[in-house]
Amino acid sequence: MNKYDLVSIVRPTADESIVDSIHKSISEVISNGGGNVSEQGVWQRRKLAYEIDTFKEGIYTIT
């Protein structure tokens, strides 16, 4: 089976429960499509290359 990484950027105002909810939703979509998630995590809060919806930073996550 091929392995893939999915990087998501979450609003910097999101708390830990929102990030966990997003991880759960992503895992469900992958599982429903016949895949499996081997690991998930939060990289860090980083400055964005350009402003997105008035935000200059984002919380980077990987699945």
Foldseek 3Di string as FASTA:
>chain_A
DDDDKDKDWAAPVDDPVVVVVVVVVVQVVQVVVVHHDPDKDWDAKDADPDDDPNDRITTMIMD
